[in-house]
Protein backbone atom coordinates (compact mmCIF):
# COMPACT_ATOMS: atom_id res chain seq x y z
CA MET A 1 0.00 0.00 0.00
CA THR A 2 1.52 3.32 -1.04
CA ARG A 3 1.31 6.60 0.80
CA GLY A 4 -0.36 9.65 -0.70
CA THR A 5 1.51 12.26 -2.69
CA PRO A 6 2.42 15.50 -0.87
CA GLU A 7 -0.34 17.25 -2.82
CA ASN A 8 -2.97 14.77 -1.70
CA ARG A 9 -1.79 14.82 1.90
CA ALA A 10 -1.95 18.61 1.81
CA SER A 11 -5.51 18.41 0.49
CA ALA A 12 -6.51 16.23 3.44
CA GLN A 13 -4.80 18.58 5.90
CA LEU A 14 -6.45 21.74 4.61
CA LEU A 15 -9.86 20.18 5.29
CA ALA A 16 -9.25 19.82 9.03
CA ARG A 17 -10.88 23.15 9.89
CA TYR A 18 -14.20 22.05 8.37
CA ARG A 19 -14.54 18.99 10.57
CA ALA A 20 -16.14 20.60 13.63
CA PRO A 21 -19.92 19.93 13.72
CA ASP A 22 -22.38 22.64 14.73
CA SER A 23 -25.06 21.02 16.90
CA ALA A 24 -27.46 23.94 16.47
CA ARG A 25 -27.11 23.72 12.69
CA GLY A 26 -27.54 19.95 12.86
CA THR A 27 -30.73 20.31 14.90
CA LEU A 28 -32.10 22.79 12.38
CA GLU A 29 -31.22 20.53 9.42
CA LEU A 30 -32.91 17.61 11.15
CA ALA A 31 -36.03 19.63 11.95
CA ILE A 32 -36.50 21.00 8.41
CA THR A 33 -36.25 17.44 7.10
CA ALA A 34 -38.16 15.30 9.60
CA VAL A 35 -41.09 17.66 10.21
CA PRO A 36 -41.89 18.17 6.49
CA PHE A 37 -41.54 14.42 5.93
CA LEU A 38 -44.12 13.63 8.60
CA GLY A 39 -46.36 16.41 7.31
CA LEU A 40 -46.14 15.14 3.73
CA TRP A 41 -46.87 11.60 4.90
CA ALA A 42 -50.08 12.82 6.50
CA LEU A 43 -50.89 14.89 3.40
CA VAL A 44 -50.45 11.83 1.15
CA TRP A 45 -52.82 9.91 3.39
CA ALA A 46 -55.38 12.70 3.16
CA ALA A 47 -54.93 12.87 -0.62
CA LEU A 48 -56.05 9.25 -0.99
CA ASP A 49 -59.63 10.51 -0.72
CA HIS A 50 -59.08 12.73 -3.78
CA GLY A 51 -57.43 10.21 -6.09
CA TYR A 52 -54.31 8.10 -5.92
CA TRP A 53 -52.52 9.99 -8.69
CA LEU A 54 -52.40 13.10 -6.49
CA ALA A 55 -51.09 10.98 -3.64
CA LEU A 56 -48.37 9.52 -5.88
CA LEU A 57 -47.22 12.99 -6.89
CA LEU A 58 -46.88 13.98 -3.24
CA GLU A 59 -44.93 10.82 -2.51
CA ILE A 60 -42.07 12.00 -4.74
CA PRO A 61 -40.94 14.85 -2.44
CA ALA A 62 -41.70 12.62 0.55
CA ALA A 63 -39.25 10.05 -0.83
CA GLY A 64 -36.73 12.85 -1.35
CA LEU A 65 -37.05 13.84 2.30
CA LEU A 66 -36.58 10.22 3.36
CA VAL A 67 -33.37 10.15 1.29
CA ARG A 68 -32.25 13.30 3.11
CA LEU A 69 -33.00 11.65 6.44
CA PHE A 70 -30.82 8.72 5.40
CA MET A 71 -28.00 11.16 4.60
CA ILE A 72 -28.35 12.68 8.07
CA GLN A 73 -28.21 9.16 9.52
CA HIS A 74 -25.11 8.61 7.38
CA ASP A 75 -23.42 11.69 8.89
CA CYS A 76 -24.38 10.54 12.38
CA GLY A 77 -22.62 7.27 11.61
CA HIS A 78 -19.45 9.21 10.90
CA GLY A 79 -19.88 11.19 14.13
CA SER A 80 -20.05 14.37 12.08
CA PHE A 81 -23.61 15.70 12.35
CA PHE A 82 -23.64 16.74 16.02
CA ARG A 83 -20.79 17.46 18.40
CA GLY A 84 -21.54 14.67 20.84
CA ARG A 85 -21.32 10.97 20.12
CA VAL A 86 -24.47 10.22 22.13
CA ALA A 87 -26.54 12.65 20.04
CA ASN A 88 -25.13 11.27 16.80
CA ASP A 89 -25.77 7.66 17.75
CA TRP A 90 -29.30 8.02 19.10
CA VAL A 91 -30.49 10.30 16.32
CA GLY A 92 -28.91 7.86 13.87
CA ARG A 93 -30.71 4.93 15.50
CA ALA A 94 -34.03 6.77 15.46
CA ILE A 95 -33.69 7.68 11.79
CA GLY A 96 -32.62 4.08 11.08
CA VAL A 97 -36.12 2.99 12.08
CA MET A 98 -37.59 5.33 9.44
CA THR A 99 -35.09 4.28 6.76
CA LEU A 100 -35.34 0.55 7.65
CA THR A 101 -31.59 0.51 8.26
CA PRO A 102 -30.08 -0.90 11.50
CA TYR A 103 -27.82 1.99 12.40
CA ASP A 104 -24.98 0.36 14.36
CA TYR A 105 -24.67 -2.59 12.01
CA TRP A 106 -24.73 -0.32 8.95
CA ARG A 107 -22.23 2.09 10.51
CA HIS A 108 -19.68 -0.69 11.00
CA ASN A 109 -20.00 -1.91 7.40
CA HIS A 110 -19.88 1.63 6.03
CA ALA A 111 -16.67 2.36 7.94
CA ARG A 112 -15.11 -0.66 6.23
CA HIS A 113 -16.25 0.73 2.88
CA HIS A 114 -14.43 4.00 3.58
CA ALA A 115 -11.30 2.17 4.69
CA ASN A 116 -11.13 0.03 1.53
CA SER A 117 -12.92 1.93 -1.24
CA GLY A 118 -11.20 1.33 -4.58
CA ASN A 119 -9.11 -1.59 -3.31
CA LEU A 120 -9.53 -4.56 -5.63
CA ASP A 121 -8.27 -6.95 -2.97
CA HIS A 122 -10.88 -5.82 -0.44
CA ARG A 123 -14.09 -5.64 -2.43
CA GLY A 124 -17.54 -6.55 -1.16
CA LEU A 125 -17.51 -4.27 1.88
CA GLY A 126 -20.46 -2.00 1.25
CA ASP A 127 -19.63 -1.69 -2.44
CA ILE A 128 -21.44 -2.32 -5.69
CA ASP A 129 -20.11 -5.74 -6.71
CA THR A 130 -17.59 -5.11 -9.49
CA LEU A 131 -15.62 -7.75 -11.40
CA THR A 132 -12.56 -7.15 -13.53
CA VAL A 133 -12.71 -8.11 -17.20
CA ARG A 134 -10.33 -11.01 -16.53
CA GLU A 135 -12.42 -12.29 -13.61
CA PHE A 136 -15.65 -12.08 -15.59
CA LEU A 137 -14.28 -13.95 -18.59
CA GLY A 138 -12.81 -16.62 -16.33
CA GLN A 139 -16.17 -17.51 -14.82
CA SER A 140 -18.67 -20.10 -15.96
CA ARG A 141 -21.42 -19.11 -18.35
CA TRP A 142 -23.98 -19.38 -15.52
CA ARG A 143 -22.05 -17.06 -13.20
CA ARG A 144 -21.51 -14.54 -16.01
CA THR A 145 -25.27 -14.59 -16.61
CA LEU A 146 -25.92 -13.96 -12.92
CA TYR A 147 -23.50 -11.03 -12.91
CA ARG A 148 -25.18 -9.59 -16.00
CA LEU A 149 -28.53 -9.92 -14.25
CA TYR A 150 -27.19 -8.24 -11.10
CA ARG A 151 -25.89 -5.37 -13.21
CA HIS A 152 -29.12 -4.92 -15.18
CA PRO A 153 -30.69 -1.51 -14.41
CA VAL A 154 -34.03 -3.08 -13.46
CA VAL A 155 -32.30 -5.15 -10.79
CA MET A 156 -29.66 -2.62 -9.76
CA PHE A 157 -32.02 0.31 -9.33
CA GLY A 158 -35.41 -1.37 -8.98
CA VAL A 159 -35.69 -4.83 -7.47
CA GLY A 160 -32.32 -4.69 -5.71
CA PRO A 161 -32.87 -1.57 -3.56
CA THR A 162 -36.31 -2.74 -2.47
CA TYR A 163 -34.89 -6.13 -1.47
CA LEU A 164 -31.96 -4.47 0.32
CA PHE A 165 -33.95 -2.11 2.53
CA ILE A 166 -37.12 -4.11 3.13
CA LEU A 167 -35.70 -7.65 3.44
CA LYS A 168 -31.91 -7.85 3.65
CA HIS A 169 -31.60 -5.25 6.39
CA ARG A 170 -33.86 -7.35 8.60
CA LEU A 171 -31.02 -9.81 9.35
CA PRO A 172 -27.33 -9.02 10.03
CA VAL A 173 -26.16 -10.90 6.93
CA GLY A 174 -22.37 -10.96 6.84
CA GLY A 175 -22.05 -10.09 10.51
CA MET A 176 -22.90 -13.39 12.15
CA ARG A 177 -19.34 -13.91 13.39
CA ARG A 178 -19.11 -10.56 15.17
CA GLY A 179 -21.09 -11.66 18.19
CA TRP A 180 -24.28 -10.15 19.59
CA LYS A 181 -23.83 -6.50 18.55
CA PRO A 182 -25.02 -6.88 14.93
CA TRP A 183 -28.01 -8.85 16.21
CA LEU A 184 -28.83 -6.23 18.86
CA SER A 185 -28.70 -3.42 16.30
CA THR A 186 -30.76 -5.28 13.72
CA MET A 187 -33.35 -6.87 15.97
CA GLY A 188 -33.76 -3.74 18.07
CA THR A 189 -34.46 -1.78 14.90
CA ASN A 190 -36.86 -4.46 13.68
CA ILE A 191 -38.84 -4.40 16.93
CA VAL A 192 -39.31 -0.63 16.83
CA ILE A 193 -40.19 -0.76 13.12
CA GLY A 194 -42.79 -3.42 13.88
CA ALA A 195 -44.30 -1.36 16.69
CA LEU A 196 -44.51 1.80 14.56
CA VAL A 197 -45.98 -0.07 11.60
CA ALA A 198 -48.59 -1.66 13.85
CA ALA A 199 -49.49 1.75 15.29
CA ALA A 200 -49.70 3.32 11.82
CA ILE A 201 -51.91 0.50 10.53
CA ARG A 202 -54.16 0.84 13.57
CA LEU A 203 -54.45 4.57 12.86
CA VAL A 204 -54.97 4.64 9.08
CA GLY A 205 -55.72 1.04 8.11
CA TYR A 206 -53.68 -1.67 6.42
CA GLY A 207 -54.47 -0.73 2.82
CA PRO A 208 -53.93 3.03 3.15
CA PHE A 209 -50.67 2.43 5.03
CA LEU A 210 -49.28 0.33 2.19
CA LEU A 211 -50.54 2.79 -0.44
CA VAL A 212 -48.81 5.66 1.34
CA HIS A 213 -45.62 4.19 2.73
CA LEU A 214 -44.56 1.45 0.35
CA PRO A 215 -44.07 3.71 -2.70
CA ILE A 216 -42.12 6.18 -0.57
CA ILE A 217 -39.79 3.42 0.65
CA VAL A 218 -39.33 1.89 -2.81
CA LEU A 219 -38.61 5.23 -4.50
CA ALA A 220 -36.27 6.43 -1.74
CA ALA A 221 -34.37 3.11 -1.80
CA SER A 222 -33.87 3.34 -5.57
CA ILE A 223 -32.66 6.95 -5.30
CA GLY A 224 -30.27 6.00 -2.53
CA VAL A 225 -28.74 3.11 -4.46
CA TRP A 226 -28.46 5.29 -7.57
CA LEU A 227 -26.53 7.91 -5.59
CA PHE A 228 -24.19 5.30 -4.14
CA TYR A 229 -23.70 3.80 -7.59
CA VAL A 230 -22.81 7.09 -9.28
CA GLN A 231 -20.43 8.01 -6.48
CA HIS A 232 -18.04 5.19 -7.40
CA GLN A 233 -19.13 3.65 -10.72
CA PHE A 234 -17.93 6.02 -13.42
CA GLU A 235 -15.56 5.47 -16.33
CA HIS A 236 -12.31 6.84 -14.91
CA THR A 237 -12.85 5.86 -11.29
CA TYR A 238 -10.06 4.38 -9.19
CA TRP A 239 -9.40 0.70 -8.52
CA SER A 240 -6.03 -0.70 -7.52
CA ARG A 241 -4.48 -3.78 -5.96
CA ASP A 242 -3.52 -3.74 -2.31
CA GLU A 243 0.20 -3.17 -2.88
CA THR A 244 -0.39 0.05 -4.85
CA TRP A 245 -3.70 1.21 -3.33
CA ASN A 246 -3.66 4.74 -1.98
CA PHE A 247 -6.29 6.25 0.31
CA GLN A 248 -6.03 9.81 -0.98
CA GLU A 249 -6.05 8.75 -4.62
CA ALA A 250 -9.07 6.53 -3.98
CA ALA A 251 -10.88 9.43 -2.33
CA LEU A 252 -10.13 12.12 -4.90
CA HIS A 253 -10.30 9.99 -8.05
CA GLY A 254 -12.42 7.00 -7.04
CA SER A 255 -15.27 9.04 -5.60
CA SER A 256 -17.20 11.39 -7.84
CA HIS A 257 -18.17 15.03 -7.54
CA TYR A 258 -21.77 14.60 -8.66
CA GLN A 259 -22.76 18.10 -9.69
CA LEU A 260 -26.50 18.28 -9.15
CA PRO A 261 -28.99 21.17 -9.44
CA GLY A 262 -29.49 23.10 -6.22
CA VAL A 263 -32.79 21.51 -5.20
CA LEU A 264 -31.35 18.00 -5.67
CA ARG A 265 -28.24 18.96 -3.71
CA TRP A 266 -30.52 19.90 -0.81
CA PHE A 267 -32.57 16.71 -0.93
CA THR A 268 -29.37 14.63 -1.06
CA ALA A 269 -27.66 16.65 1.69
CA ASN A 270 -24.64 17.46 -0.51
CA ILE A 271 -23.61 13.80 -0.71
CA GLY A 272 -22.69 14.46 -4.35
CA ILE A 273 -19.54 16.17 -3.06
CA HIS A 274 -18.43 12.65 -2.41
CA HIS A 275 -14.74 12.97 -3.17
CA ILE A 276 -14.37 15.47 -0.32
CA HIS A 277 -16.48 13.28 1.94
CA HIS A 278 -14.16 10.31 1.32
CA LEU A 279 -11.09 12.46 1.83
CA SER A 280 -12.41 13.62 5.21
CA SER A 281 -15.53 11.80 6.35
CA ARG A 282 -15.83 13.84 9.55
CA ILE A 283 -16.90 16.95 7.63
CA PRO A 284 -20.64 17.52 8.19
CA CYS A 285 -22.79 17.47 5.07
CA TYR A 286 -23.81 21.08 5.66
CA ARG A 287 -20.15 22.18 5.48
CA LEU A 288 -19.16 20.35 2.30
CA PRO A 289 -20.18 23.27 0.02
CA ASP A 290 -17.90 25.52 2.09
CA VAL A 291 -14.93 23.36 1.08
CA LEU A 292 -15.59 23.84 -2.63
CA ARG A 293 -16.26 27.54 -2.14
CA ASP A 294 -12.95 28.07 -0.34
CA HIS A 295 -10.93 25.60 -2.44
CA PRO A 296 -12.29 25.65 -6.01
CA GLN A 297 -9.30 23.61 -7.21
CA LEU A 298 -11.02 20.58 -5.66
CA ALA A 299 -14.26 21.04 -7.60
CA GLY A 300 -12.98 19.54 -10.85
CA ALA A 301 -11.85 16.19 -9.44
CA ALA A 302 -13.98 13.31 -10.82
CA ARG A 303 -16.75 15.77 -11.72
CA ILE A 304 -19.91 14.21 -13.21
CA THR A 305 -23.00 16.09 -14.35
CA LEU A 306 -26.53 14.74 -14.13
CA ARG A 307 -26.54 14.00 -17.88
CA GLN A 308 -23.14 12.31 -17.78
CA SER A 309 -24.22 10.13 -14.87
CA LEU A 310 -26.88 8.44 -17.00
CA ARG A 311 -24.15 6.98 -19.20
CA THR A 312 -22.50 5.22 -16.27
CA VAL A 313 -25.24 2.54 -16.21
CA ARG A 314 -23.61 0.66 -19.09
CA LEU A 315 -20.21 0.47 -17.33
CA THR A 316 -19.99 -2.90 -15.64
CA LEU A 317 -16.42 -4.28 -15.58
CA TRP A 318 -13.06 -2.91 -14.48
CA ASP A 319 -10.36 -3.13 -17.15
CA GLU A 320 -7.10 -3.35 -15.20
CA GLU A 321 -4.95 -2.76 -18.27
CA ARG A 322 -6.76 0.40 -19.40
CA GLN A 323 -7.59 1.53 -15.88
CA ARG A 324 -11.23 2.30 -16.55
CA LEU A 325 -14.70 0.81 -16.32
CA VAL A 326 -16.00 -0.71 -19.53
CA SER A 327 -19.28 -2.21 -20.76
CA PHE A 328 -19.90 -5.88 -21.45
CA GLY A 329 -19.69 -5.09 -25.18
CA GLU A 330 -16.35 -3.32 -24.81
CA ALA A 331 -15.00 -6.22 -22.78
CA ALA A 332 -16.00 -8.62 -25.53
CA MET A 333 -14.32 -6.51 -28.20
CA ILE A 334 -11.18 -6.06 -26.12
CA SER A 335 -10.89 -9.78 -25.52
CA GLY A 336 -11.86 -10.81 -29.04
CA ILE A 337 -14.16 -13.58 -27.80
CA VAL A 338 -17.60 -12.18 -28.43
CA ARG A 339 -19.13 -15.61 -28.98
CA THR A 340 -18.17 -16.88 -25.55
CA LEU A 341 -20.13 -14.22 -23.71
CA PRO A 342 -23.67 -15.13 -22.63
């Protein structure tokens, strides 16, 4: 594993002054997210009496607010939203009930993602599964078909996110060997979710609850997975083997600067400034724009616009020789064995 260049180390050092959370600002950000979300939820319920299409339209901003709540939970997991650890952890756990995400279990896995992002020898830790061209071509036809299916947009951004948040998060899959803590986090979250769902169904009825809440969850989950995908799955991202992997390079070049319109930046809590977040994960989301304002030289690193991000869907395999992500078709052309691909 190599150390960062002096320039990259200097970039990490200049961010130190942005790391201090402002608890008053955090409380305000939480309030202007959670209160409108609850209000919109009630408004969607009321709109059911006036036609479901109106309710569906209102569920779009509600899903956006749920995404923003997840981003606040994400910052709490890094200990960066409030000054105190207790406030971060308990707010994170409370939001985890709303986002169907066991906070402590997720926080542990996400920390491993930050520690190994872009390292080909430590994949599968909170990442989008990514094979190299050589690995893909060396697999059986059946396993290549499964990987193609996993990478299909309908699965990646539709079925997959719904399965992840509604079903997979209900058990500490992958954490069975870490003792009782993953179970406590997951089962504790499940119990509170069950109690709140039961109370909501008692209040509004089983059918209306599903009509209101299920589309919000499904849409928010898909948006969240899309954001995570775009943050690391772009053509000239960074992947390297353990002996040459570099934390600063992985942060600045393996994490994107997803340049979104202002309203989408707000709903996503500035998570598009992901290269800075990976360089210094203790910077609160509400201070990330300050970094780019004060240090515009960092704005151009791995910059992706909304239009450019749509083209990343076709990129599925890492080409170690060319050091970029390629499509299945490009991999076939590069290898000259089109007929062997499923």
